[in-house]
C-alpha atoms as a PDB file:
ATOM      1  CA  UNK A   1       1.002   2.924  10.933  1.00  0.00           C
ATOM      2  CA  UNK A   2       4.048   0.842  11.802  1.00  0.00           C
ATOM      3  CA  UNK A   3       3.713  -1.204  14.906  1.00  0.00           C
ATOM      4  CA  UNK A   4       6.871  -0.904  17.265  1.00  0.00           C
ATOM      5  CA  UNK A   5       8.209  -4.374  17.938  1.00  0.00           C
ATOM      6  CA  UNK A   6      10.828  -3.229  21.073  1.00  0.00           C
ATOM      7  CA  UNK A   7       9.476  -4.521  24.264  1.00  0.00           C
ATOM      8  CA  UNK A   8       9.661  -1.533  26.755  1.00  0.00           C
ATOM      9  CA  UNK A   9      10.357  -2.242  30.764  1.00  0.00           C
ATOM     10  CA  UNK A  10       7.948  -0.753  33.092  1.00  0.00           C
ATOM     11  CA  UNK A  11      10.165   1.870  33.975  1.00  0.00           C
ATOM     12  CA  UNK A  12      10.521   2.836  30.258  1.00  0.00           C
ATOM     13  CA  UNK A  13       6.634   2.803  29.589  1.00  0.00           C
ATOM     14  CA  UNK A  14       6.198   4.911  32.717  1.00  0.00           C
ATOM     15  CA  UNK A  15       8.647   7.512  31.249  1.00  0.00           C
ATOM     16  CA  UNK A  16       6.961   7.455  27.865  1.00  0.00           C
ATOM     17  CA  UNK A  17       3.509   8.033  29.572  1.00  0.00           C
ATOM     18  CA  UNK A  18       4.930  10.681  31.656  1.00  0.00           C
ATOM     19  CA  UNK A  19       6.673  12.633  28.688  1.00  0.00           C
ATOM     20  CA  UNK A  20       3.589  12.243  26.633  1.00  0.00           C
ATOM     21  CA  UNK A  21       1.422  13.982  29.346  1.00  0.00           C
ATOM     22  CA  UNK A  22       3.803  16.652  29.926  1.00  0.00           C
ATOM     23  CA  UNK A  23       2.736  19.941  27.699  1.00  0.00           C
ATOM     24  CA  UNK A  24       6.286  21.005  26.567  1.00  0.00           C
ATOM     25  CA  UNK A  25       7.639  17.635  25.676  1.00  0.00           C
ATOM     26  CA  UNK A  26       7.670  17.458  22.271  1.00  0.00           C
ATOM     27  CA  UNK A  27       6.929  14.054  20.179  1.00  0.00           C
ATOM     28  CA  UNK A  28      10.263  14.433  18.727  1.00  0.00           C
ATOM     29  CA  UNK A  29      11.883  14.072  21.924  1.00  0.00           C
ATOM     30  CA  UNK A  30      10.150  10.757  22.709  1.00  0.00           C
ATOM     31  CA  UNK A  31      11.219   9.725  19.245  1.00  0.00           C
ATOM     32  CA  UNK A  32      14.584  10.605  20.193  1.00  0.00           C
ATOM     33  CA  UNK A  33      15.052   8.933  23.358  1.00  0.00           C
ATOM     34  CA  UNK A  34      12.572   5.890  22.830  1.00  0.00           C
ATOM     35  CA  UNK A  35      12.392   5.643  19.036  1.00  0.00           C
ATOM     36  CA  UNK A  36       8.549   6.083  18.977  1.00  0.00           C
ATOM     37  CA  UNK A  37       6.882   7.751  16.265  1.00  0.00           C
ATOM     38  CA  UNK A  38       3.782  10.121  17.136  1.00  0.00           C
ATOM     39  CA  UNK A  39       1.201   7.330  16.075  1.00  0.00           C
ATOM     40  CA  UNK A  40       3.267   4.933  18.281  1.00  0.00           C
ATOM     41  CA  UNK A  41       3.243   7.010  21.512  1.00  0.00           C
ATOM     42  CA  UNK A  42      -0.696   7.042  20.780  1.00  0.00           C
ATOM     43  CA  UNK A  43      -0.697   3.493  20.726  1.00  0.00           C
ATOM     44  CA  UNK A  44       1.349   2.768  23.745  1.00  0.00           C
ATOM     45  CA  UNK A  45      -1.075   5.397  25.343  1.00  0.00           C
ATOM     46  CA  UNK A  46      -4.058   3.565  24.392  1.00  0.00           C
ATOM     47  CA  UNK A  47      -2.722   0.312  25.764  1.00  0.00           C
ATOM     48  CA  UNK A  48      -1.267   1.731  29.067  1.00  0.00           C
ATOM     49  CA  UNK A  49      -4.002   4.055  30.087  1.00  0.00           C
ATOM     50  CA  UNK A  50      -7.819   3.285  30.976  1.00  0.00           C
ATOM     51  CA  UNK A  51     -10.331   4.703  28.125  1.00  0.00           C
ATOM     52  CA  UNK A  52     -11.394   7.489  30.176  1.00  0.00           C
ATOM     53  CA  UNK A  53      -7.876   8.920  30.670  1.00  0.00           C
ATOM     54  CA  UNK A  54      -6.697   7.983  27.252  1.00  0.00           C
ATOM     55  CA  UNK A  55      -9.587  10.249  25.807  1.00  0.00           C
ATOM     56  CA  UNK A  56      -8.734  13.049  28.054  1.00  0.00           C
ATOM     57  CA  UNK A  57      -5.047  12.975  27.157  1.00  0.00           C
ATOM     58  CA  UNK A  58      -6.152  12.939  23.337  1.00  0.00           C
ATOM     59  CA  UNK A  59      -8.370  15.783  23.757  1.00  0.00           C
ATOM     60  CA  UNK A  60      -5.799  17.578  25.440  1.00  0.00           C
ATOM     61  CA  UNK A  61      -2.918  16.795  22.928  1.00  0.00           C
ATOM     62  CA  UNK A  62      -4.999  17.383  19.875  1.00  0.00           C
ATOM     63  CA  UNK A  63      -3.861  20.720  18.477  1.00  0.00           C
ATOM     64  CA  UNK A  64      -1.334  21.608  21.067  1.00  0.00           C
ATOM     65  CA  UNK A  65       1.446  23.339  19.237  1.00  0.00           C
ATOM     66  CA  UNK A  66       4.064  22.605  22.102  1.00  0.00           C
ATOM     67  CA  UNK A  67       3.935  18.989  21.413  1.00  0.00           C
ATOM     68  CA  UNK A  68       5.519  19.579  17.884  1.00  0.00           C
ATOM     69  CA  UNK A  69       8.918  21.238  17.405  1.00  0.00           C
ATOM     70  CA  UNK A  70       7.766  22.480  14.059  1.00  0.00           C
ATOM     71  CA  UNK A  71       4.710  24.420  15.355  1.00  0.00           C
ATOM     72  CA  UNK A  72       6.414  25.387  18.620  1.00  0.00           C
ATOM     73  CA  UNK A  73       7.253  28.983  18.857  1.00  0.00           C
ATOM     74  CA  UNK A  74      10.962  30.046  18.891  1.00  0.00           C
ATOM     75  CA  UNK A  75      10.865  31.577  22.072  1.00  0.00           C
ATOM     76  CA  UNK A  76      10.372  28.085  23.744  1.00  0.00           C
ATOM     77  CA  UNK A  77      13.841  26.788  24.132  1.00  0.00           C
ATOM     78  CA  UNK A  78      13.594  24.135  26.904  1.00  0.00           C
ATOM     79  CA  UNK A  79      11.488  20.936  27.118  1.00  0.00           C
ATOM     80  CA  UNK A  80       9.828  21.324  30.358  1.00  0.00           C
ATOM     81  CA  UNK A  81       8.796  24.166  32.990  1.00  0.00           C
ATOM     82  CA  UNK A  82      11.588  25.717  34.984  1.00  0.00           C
ATOM     83  CA  UNK A  83       9.602  24.796  38.084  1.00  0.00           C
ATOM     84  CA  UNK A  84       9.620  21.066  37.260  1.00  0.00           C
ATOM     85  CA  UNK A  85      12.095  18.665  38.684  1.00  0.00           C
ATOM     86  CA  UNK A  86      12.306  20.406  41.923  1.00  0.00           C
ATOM     87  CA  UNK A  87      15.248  19.464  44.013  1.00  0.00           C
ATOM     88  CA  UNK A  88      14.446  18.410  47.880  1.00  0.00           C
ATOM     89  CA  UNK A  89      16.435  19.669  50.428  1.00  0.00           C
ATOM     90  CA  UNK A  90      17.031  17.534  53.909  1.00  0.00           C
ATOM     91  CA  UNK A  91      16.226  13.892  54.691  1.00  0.00           C
END
């Protein structure tokens, strides 16, 4: 496994972790945005999360077809749920 040599800001690491947790965000999207392959995302997740949370994430991601574009159903055309990122009114 090739180690990544780029240093990510706190905001970037937070976004990578968020994207990795999202069911419909494929690893290819993370690679396109941040240059990290799946194994490198796993390495970053291992470093950024507590071991228990990491194990839960790995179990959840193991075999999830939506995390890989090649395994994904052609009917899934978007990378997030339509109710995600709700706009707030007021304030």
